[in-house]
Amino acid sequence: MDKVTGPEEADTVDAPGSAVEDHLGMSEEQWAWFQKYTRGYGEQDEEGVDLSLLRENLRLTPAERLARHQRALRLVTEVRRAGERAGLRRAAPES
């Protein structure tokens, strides 16, 4: 297997739509493998945005989307508080 080159040897990115593509310092073989295994998870637009996730969320009612958001917010809050209790994070200022 080829080694991954350092950033000084990586291709550069030109203006959007240009022929030069940044291969993140990978050989052509590595880049082809990377593209094969990182593309195609859901329908993507030309920028790589996963449209299937957007469509999935838009199928939900606003109330369902709000409930999902509130569950995610509770999880983030619980994780933050657990970090504070463990001494990994300073307590957030009360607002």
N, C-alpha and C. Protein backbone atom coordinates (compact mmCIF):
# COMPACT_ATOMS: atom_id res chain seq x y z
N MET A 1 0.84 -1.18 0.00
CA MET A 1 0.00 0.00 0.00
C MET A 1 0.89 1.24 0.00
N ASP A 2 0.51 2.24 -0.77
CA ASP A 2 1.27 3.48 -0.83
C ASP A 2 1.11 4.26 0.46
N LYS A 3 2.15 5.03 0.81
CA LYS A 3 2.02 5.87 1.99
C LYS A 3 1.31 7.16 1.61
N VAL A 4 0.64 7.74 2.58
CA VAL A 4 -0.02 9.02 2.36
C VAL A 4 1.02 10.09 2.50
N THR A 5 1.06 10.99 1.55
CA THR A 5 2.06 12.05 1.57
C THR A 5 1.64 13.14 2.53
N GLY A 6 2.56 13.96 2.93
CA GLY A 6 2.28 15.06 3.84
C GLY A 6 1.60 16.20 3.13
N PRO A 7 1.14 17.18 3.88
CA PRO A 7 0.40 18.30 3.30
C PRO A 7 1.22 19.12 2.31
N GLU A 8 2.54 19.12 2.49
CA GLU A 8 3.36 19.89 1.56
C GLU A 8 3.38 19.28 0.17
N GLU A 9 3.01 17.99 0.07
CA GLU A 9 2.99 17.32 -1.22
C GLU A 9 1.58 17.18 -1.79
N ALA A 10 0.59 17.60 -1.02
CA ALA A 10 -0.81 17.43 -1.44
C ALA A 10 -1.16 18.38 -2.57
N ASP A 11 -2.13 17.95 -3.37
CA ASP A 11 -2.65 18.82 -4.42
C ASP A 11 -3.32 20.01 -3.77
N THR A 12 -3.40 21.10 -4.50
CA THR A 12 -4.05 22.29 -3.97
C THR A 12 -5.42 22.44 -4.59
N VAL A 13 -6.24 23.22 -3.96
CA VAL A 13 -7.59 23.46 -4.46
C VAL A 13 -7.62 24.82 -5.12
N ASP A 14 -8.09 24.85 -6.35
CA ASP A 14 -8.27 26.11 -7.04
C ASP A 14 -9.71 26.56 -6.87
N ALA A 15 -10.11 27.48 -7.70
CA ALA A 15 -11.48 28.00 -7.65
C ALA A 15 -12.48 26.87 -7.85
N PRO A 16 -13.70 27.02 -7.30
CA PRO A 16 -14.72 25.98 -7.48
C PRO A 16 -14.94 25.68 -8.95
N GLY A 17 -15.08 24.40 -9.25
CA GLY A 17 -15.31 23.99 -10.62
C GLY A 17 -14.05 23.84 -11.44
N SER A 18 -12.88 24.11 -10.84
CA SER A 18 -11.65 23.98 -11.61
C SER A 18 -11.28 22.52 -11.76
N ALA A 19 -10.35 22.23 -12.63
CA ALA A 19 -9.94 20.86 -12.91
C ALA A 19 -9.07 20.29 -11.80
N VAL A 20 -8.45 21.14 -10.99
CA VAL A 20 -7.57 20.67 -9.91
C VAL A 20 -8.44 20.26 -8.73
N GLU A 21 -8.18 19.05 -8.21
CA GLU A 21 -8.95 18.55 -7.07
C GLU A 21 -7.99 18.18 -5.95
N ASP A 22 -8.32 18.57 -4.72
CA ASP A 22 -7.49 18.25 -3.57
C ASP A 22 -7.70 16.79 -3.21
N HIS A 23 -6.66 15.99 -3.27
CA HIS A 23 -6.74 14.57 -2.94
C HIS A 23 -6.29 14.29 -1.52
N LEU A 24 -6.22 15.34 -0.69
CA LEU A 24 -5.86 15.20 0.71
C LEU A 24 -4.54 14.47 0.91
N GLY A 25 -3.64 14.61 -0.03
CA GLY A 25 -2.33 13.99 0.08
C GLY A 25 -2.31 12.51 -0.26
N MET A 26 -3.38 11.99 -0.85
CA MET A 26 -3.46 10.56 -1.17
C MET A 26 -2.97 10.29 -2.58
N SER A 27 -2.49 9.07 -2.80
CA SER A 27 -2.14 8.64 -4.15
C SER A 27 -3.43 8.47 -4.95
N GLU A 28 -3.32 8.34 -6.24
CA GLU A 28 -4.52 8.14 -7.07
C GLU A 28 -5.28 6.89 -6.65
N GLU A 29 -4.55 5.82 -6.33
CA GLU A 29 -5.18 4.57 -5.91
C GLU A 29 -5.92 4.76 -4.58
N GLN A 30 -5.28 5.43 -3.63
CA GLN A 30 -5.91 5.68 -2.34
C GLN A 30 -7.13 6.59 -2.51
N TRP A 31 -7.00 7.61 -3.36
CA TRP A 31 -8.11 8.53 -3.59
C TRP A 31 -9.30 7.80 -4.20
N ALA A 32 -9.04 6.91 -5.16
CA ALA A 32 -10.13 6.14 -5.78
C ALA A 32 -10.83 5.27 -4.74
N TRP A 33 -10.06 4.62 -3.86
CA TRP A 33 -10.65 3.80 -2.81
C TRP A 33 -11.48 4.67 -1.86
N PHE A 34 -10.91 5.82 -1.47
CA PHE A 34 -11.59 6.76 -0.57
C PHE A 34 -12.92 7.21 -1.18
N GLN A 35 -12.91 7.58 -2.46
CA GLN A 35 -14.13 8.01 -3.12
C GLN A 35 -15.16 6.89 -3.18
N LYS A 36 -14.68 5.67 -3.45
CA LYS A 36 -15.59 4.53 -3.57
C LYS A 36 -16.30 4.27 -2.25
N TYR A 37 -15.59 4.38 -1.16
CA TYR A 37 -16.15 4.03 0.15
C TYR A 37 -16.72 5.19 0.94
N THR A 38 -16.57 6.42 0.49
CA THR A 38 -17.15 7.55 1.22
C THR A 38 -18.24 8.24 0.44
N ARG A 39 -18.46 7.85 -0.76
CA ARG A 39 -19.55 8.41 -1.56
C ARG A 39 -20.70 7.42 -1.60
N GLY A 40 -21.87 7.92 -1.85
CA GLY A 40 -23.00 7.03 -2.05
C GLY A 40 -23.76 6.65 -0.80
N TYR A 41 -23.44 7.26 0.33
CA TYR A 41 -24.25 7.02 1.53
C TYR A 41 -25.39 8.01 1.50
N GLY A 42 -26.51 7.57 0.98
CA GLY A 42 -27.63 8.47 0.78
C GLY A 42 -27.43 9.24 -0.50
N GLU A 43 -28.48 9.90 -0.91
CA GLU A 43 -28.40 10.72 -2.13
C GLU A 43 -27.68 12.02 -1.80
N GLN A 44 -26.66 12.36 -2.59
CA GLN A 44 -25.88 13.56 -2.32
C GLN A 44 -25.99 14.53 -3.49
N ASP A 45 -25.93 15.82 -3.14
CA ASP A 45 -25.86 16.82 -4.20
C ASP A 45 -24.40 16.96 -4.64
N GLU A 46 -24.13 17.89 -5.53
CA GLU A 46 -22.78 18.04 -6.07
C GLU A 46 -21.77 18.49 -5.01
N GLU A 47 -22.25 19.03 -3.89
CA GLU A 47 -21.36 19.46 -2.81
C GLU A 47 -21.17 18.39 -1.75
N GLY A 48 -21.83 17.24 -1.90
CA GLY A 48 -21.71 16.16 -0.94
C GLY A 48 -22.71 16.20 0.19
N VAL A 49 -23.68 17.12 0.11
CA VAL A 49 -24.71 17.21 1.15
C VAL A 49 -25.67 16.03 0.99
N ASP A 50 -25.94 15.33 2.08
CA ASP A 50 -26.80 14.15 2.06
C ASP A 50 -28.26 14.59 1.97
N LEU A 51 -28.82 14.52 0.79
CA LEU A 51 -30.20 14.94 0.56
C LEU A 51 -31.20 13.98 1.18
N SER A 52 -30.82 12.71 1.33
CA SER A 52 -31.75 11.75 1.91
C SER A 52 -32.08 12.11 3.36
N LEU A 53 -31.11 12.64 4.10
CA LEU A 53 -31.38 13.07 5.47
C LEU A 53 -32.30 14.28 5.50
N LEU A 54 -32.09 15.20 4.58
CA LEU A 54 -32.97 16.37 4.51
C LEU A 54 -34.40 15.93 4.19
N ARG A 55 -34.54 15.05 3.22
CA ARG A 55 -35.88 14.58 2.84
C ARG A 55 -36.54 13.81 3.99
N GLU A 56 -35.75 13.00 4.68
CA GLU A 56 -36.29 12.24 5.82
C GLU A 56 -36.84 13.18 6.87
N ASN A 57 -36.11 14.24 7.18
CA ASN A 57 -36.59 15.20 8.18
C ASN A 57 -37.79 15.99 7.69
N LEU A 58 -37.84 16.29 6.40
CA LEU A 58 -38.97 17.05 5.87
C LEU A 58 -40.26 16.22 5.82
N ARG A 59 -40.14 14.88 5.89
CA ARG A 59 -41.33 14.03 5.95
C ARG A 59 -42.00 14.10 7.31
N LEU A 60 -41.25 14.55 8.32
CA LEU A 60 -41.80 14.67 9.66
C LEU A 60 -42.66 15.93 9.77
N THR A 61 -43.61 15.87 10.68
CA THR A 61 -44.40 17.08 10.95
C THR A 61 -43.51 18.05 11.73
N PRO A 62 -43.87 19.33 11.75
CA PRO A 62 -43.10 20.26 12.57
C PRO A 62 -43.03 19.82 14.04
N ALA A 63 -44.11 19.27 14.56
CA ALA A 63 -44.11 18.81 15.96
C ALA A 63 -43.13 17.65 16.15
N GLU A 64 -43.05 16.74 15.18
CA GLU A 64 -42.09 15.62 15.27
C GLU A 64 -40.65 16.13 15.19
N ARG A 65 -40.41 17.12 14.31
CA ARG A 65 -39.06 17.68 14.21
C ARG A 65 -38.67 18.39 15.50
N LEU A 66 -39.63 19.11 16.10
CA LEU A 66 -39.37 19.79 17.36
C LEU A 66 -39.08 18.78 18.46
N ALA A 67 -39.82 17.68 18.51
CA ALA A 67 -39.59 16.63 19.52
C ALA A 67 -38.20 16.04 19.36
N ARG A 68 -37.77 15.78 18.12
CA ARG A 68 -36.41 15.27 17.87
C ARG A 68 -35.37 16.26 18.37
N HIS A 69 -35.59 17.53 18.05
CA HIS A 69 -34.65 18.57 18.47
C HIS A 69 -34.57 18.62 19.99
N GLN A 70 -35.70 18.56 20.66
CA GLN A 70 -35.71 18.63 22.12
C GLN A 70 -34.99 17.44 22.74
N ARG A 71 -35.16 16.23 22.15
CA ARG A 71 -34.44 15.05 22.65
C ARG A 71 -32.93 15.24 22.49
N ALA A 72 -32.53 15.75 21.33
CA ALA A 72 -31.10 15.97 21.09
C ALA A 72 -30.55 17.03 22.04
N LEU A 73 -31.32 18.08 22.28
CA LEU A 73 -30.89 19.13 23.19
C LEU A 73 -30.75 18.59 24.62
N ARG A 74 -31.70 17.74 25.05
CA ARG A 74 -31.60 17.12 26.38
C ARG A 74 -30.32 16.28 26.48
N LEU A 75 -30.01 15.53 25.42
CA LEU A 75 -28.81 14.70 25.43
C LEU A 75 -27.56 15.56 25.57
N VAL A 76 -27.48 16.62 24.79
CA VAL A 76 -26.32 17.52 24.86
C VAL A 76 -26.20 18.12 26.25
N THR A 77 -27.33 18.53 26.82
CA THR A 77 -27.33 19.11 28.16
C THR A 77 -26.85 18.09 29.19
N GLU A 78 -27.32 16.85 29.09
CA GLU A 78 -26.89 15.80 30.03
C GLU A 78 -25.40 15.52 29.90
N VAL A 79 -24.91 15.46 28.69
CA VAL A 79 -23.48 15.20 28.47
C VAL A 79 -22.65 16.36 29.02
N ARG A 80 -23.10 17.57 28.79
CA ARG A 80 -22.38 18.75 29.30
C ARG A 80 -22.33 18.71 30.83
N ARG A 81 -23.47 18.42 31.46
CA ARG A 81 -23.51 18.37 32.93
C ARG A 81 -22.64 17.24 33.47
N ALA A 82 -22.64 16.10 32.79
CA ALA A 82 -21.79 14.99 33.22
C ALA A 82 -20.33 15.39 33.15
N GLY A 83 -19.95 16.12 32.11
CA GLY A 83 -18.58 16.61 31.99
C GLY A 83 -18.22 17.57 33.10
N GLU A 84 -19.18 18.43 33.47
CA GLU A 84 -18.94 19.38 34.56
C GLU A 84 -18.76 18.63 35.88
N ARG A 85 -19.62 17.63 36.13
CA ARG A 85 -19.51 16.86 37.37
C ARG A 85 -18.19 16.09 37.44
N ALA A 86 -17.71 15.65 36.29
CA ALA A 86 -16.46 14.90 36.25
C ALA A 86 -15.24 15.83 36.26
N GLY A 87 -15.49 17.14 36.25
CA GLY A 87 -14.39 18.09 36.27
C GLY A 87 -13.74 18.29 34.91
N LEU A 88 -14.41 17.86 33.86
CA LEU A 88 -13.85 17.98 32.51
C LEU A 88 -14.25 19.28 31.83
N ARG A 89 -15.18 19.98 32.43
CA ARG A 89 -15.68 21.21 31.80
C ARG A 89 -16.12 22.15 32.91
N ARG A 90 -15.84 23.43 32.71
CA ARG A 90 -16.30 24.43 33.67
C ARG A 90 -17.80 24.59 33.55
N ALA A 91 -18.44 24.90 34.63
CA ALA A 91 -19.88 25.13 34.62
C ALA A 91 -20.19 26.36 33.76
N ALA A 92 -21.25 26.24 33.00
CA ALA A 92 -21.67 27.36 32.14
C ALA A 92 -22.26 28.45 33.02
N PRO A 93 -22.04 29.71 32.66
CA PRO A 93 -22.61 30.81 33.46
C PRO A 93 -24.13 30.77 33.37
N GLU A 94 -24.78 31.05 34.48
CA GLU A 94 -26.24 31.11 34.49
C GLU A 94 -26.69 32.35 33.75
N SER A 95 -27.73 32.18 32.93
CA SER A 95 -28.21 33.35 32.19
C SER A 95 -29.54 33.83 32.70
